[in-house]
Amino acid sequence: MFNLRDGNNPDLRRRVLTGEISPEKLITLSAEEMASDKRKQENNHIKEKALFDCERGLAAKASTEQFKCGRCGQRKCTYYQMQTRSADEPMTTYVTCVNCDNHWKFC
């Protein structure tokens, strides 16, 4: 019922009213099948990005507000650490701003 009343998804309501989707089939549709075309594109983009990141084998990232972006001034960042120098040296921290995608590192 909520999906039929959703103002962001007029296509579902139209498809039901025109008979393209029968009421019997409507109750068995998944959330993906009921989504608007715009939402389906967004979901596909999210899936492709997740698959791309997974295939690249990126290091696990943690979110924090500990760092401040020098470009936009926001504190929403992700970071990961990697040992890039000898074992007696500190780890290198790689930080990415979630807001403007600015990257920086420090030791």
Protein backbone atom coordinates (compact mmCIF):
# COMPACT_ATOMS: atom_id res chain seq x y z
CA MET A 1 0.00 0.00 0.00
CA PHE A 2 2.83 2.40 0.85
CA ASN A 3 4.51 1.73 -2.50
CA LEU A 4 1.29 2.53 -4.38
CA ARG A 5 0.88 5.83 -2.51
CA ASP A 6 4.53 6.86 -2.85
CA GLY A 7 4.75 10.14 -4.76
CA ASN A 8 8.27 9.22 -5.92
CA ASN A 9 6.98 6.08 -7.64
CA PRO A 10 4.07 7.02 -9.96
CA ASP A 11 5.06 4.29 -12.44
CA LEU A 12 3.98 1.48 -10.10
CA ARG A 13 0.54 3.01 -9.60
CA ARG A 14 0.18 3.54 -13.37
CA ARG A 15 1.21 -0.04 -14.14
CA VAL A 16 -1.39 -1.39 -11.71
CA LEU A 17 -4.16 0.92 -13.00
CA THR A 18 -3.49 0.05 -16.64
CA GLY A 19 -3.53 -3.69 -15.86
CA GLU A 20 0.14 -4.25 -16.67
CA ILE A 21 0.48 -5.64 -13.14
CA SER A 22 -2.47 -7.60 -11.82
CA PRO A 23 -3.49 -7.18 -8.16
CA GLU A 24 -2.70 -10.86 -7.59
CA LYS A 25 0.83 -10.37 -8.88
CA LEU A 26 1.25 -7.10 -6.96
CA ILE A 27 1.16 -8.82 -3.59
CA THR A 28 4.00 -11.16 -4.59
CA LEU A 29 6.35 -8.51 -6.01
CA SER A 30 9.64 -7.91 -4.23
CA ALA A 31 10.77 -4.45 -3.16
CA GLU A 32 13.15 -4.31 -6.14
CA GLU A 33 10.36 -5.12 -8.58
CA MET A 34 8.15 -2.37 -7.12
CA ALA A 35 10.87 0.28 -7.10
CA SER A 36 10.73 3.24 -9.45
CA ASP A 37 13.06 3.37 -12.45
CA LYS A 38 15.15 6.05 -10.72
CA ARG A 39 15.46 3.90 -7.58
CA LYS A 40 16.40 0.85 -9.67
CA GLN A 41 19.19 2.84 -11.32
CA GLU A 42 20.44 4.03 -7.92
CA ASN A 43 20.38 0.45 -6.59
CA ASN A 44 22.29 -0.80 -9.62
CA HIS A 45 24.88 1.96 -9.18
CA ILE A 46 25.33 1.00 -5.51
CA LYS A 47 25.70 -2.68 -6.43
CA GLU A 48 28.23 -1.94 -9.18
CA LYS A 49 30.28 0.27 -6.87
CA ALA A 50 30.25 -2.38 -4.14
CA LEU A 51 31.29 -5.06 -6.64
CA PHE A 52 34.04 -2.84 -8.04
CA ASP A 53 35.37 -2.06 -4.55
CA CYS A 54 35.21 -5.74 -3.63
CA GLU A 55 37.10 -6.82 -6.76
CA ARG A 56 39.77 -4.16 -6.19
CA GLY A 57 40.45 -5.60 -2.77
CA LEU A 58 40.42 -2.30 -0.95
CA ALA A 59 41.61 -2.22 2.60
CA ALA A 60 38.88 -2.09 5.20
CA LYS A 61 37.96 1.49 6.11
CA ALA A 62 36.65 2.89 9.37
CA SER A 63 34.51 6.01 9.75
CA THR A 64 35.47 8.76 12.15
CA GLU A 65 35.07 12.43 12.98
CA GLN A 66 38.63 12.61 14.32
CA PHE A 67 40.07 14.19 11.15
CA LYS A 68 39.10 17.51 9.57
CA CYS A 69 39.18 17.92 5.80
CA GLY A 70 41.44 20.74 4.64
CA ARG A 71 39.34 21.34 1.53
CA CYS A 72 35.72 21.50 2.80
CA GLY A 73 36.22 21.62 6.59
CA GLN A 74 33.90 18.67 7.28
CA ARG A 75 34.73 15.97 9.81
CA LYS A 76 33.04 13.00 8.10
CA CYS A 77 35.98 10.84 7.04
CA THR A 78 36.98 7.27 6.46
CA TYR A 79 40.49 6.02 7.07
CA TYR A 80 42.70 2.97 7.02
CA GLN A 81 46.24 2.33 8.15
CA MET A 82 49.02 0.47 6.41
CA GLN A 83 52.59 -0.34 7.34
CA THR A 84 54.49 1.27 4.44
CA ARG A 85 57.91 1.71 6.02
CA SER A 86 60.09 -0.40 8.29
CA ALA A 87 58.58 -2.11 11.32
CA ASP A 88 60.02 0.34 13.82
CA GLU A 89 58.31 3.29 12.07
CA PRO A 90 54.66 4.24 12.71
CA MET A 91 51.92 3.14 10.33
CA THR A 92 50.80 5.47 7.53
CA THR A 93 47.19 6.63 7.87
CA TYR A 94 45.19 7.22 4.68
CA VAL A 95 42.13 9.47 5.11
CA THR A 96 39.28 10.21 2.69
CA CYS A 97 36.66 12.91 3.19
CA VAL A 98 33.17 11.48 2.69
CA ASN A 99 31.80 14.89 1.69
CA CYS A 100 34.23 16.03 -1.05
CA ASP A 101 36.31 12.86 -1.67
CA ASN A 102 39.56 14.64 -0.73
CA HIS A 103 42.41 12.19 0.04
CA TRP A 104 45.43 12.72 2.26
CA LYS A 105 47.89 10.69 4.28
CA PHE A 106 50.11 11.18 7.28
CA CYS A 107 52.51 9.12 9.35
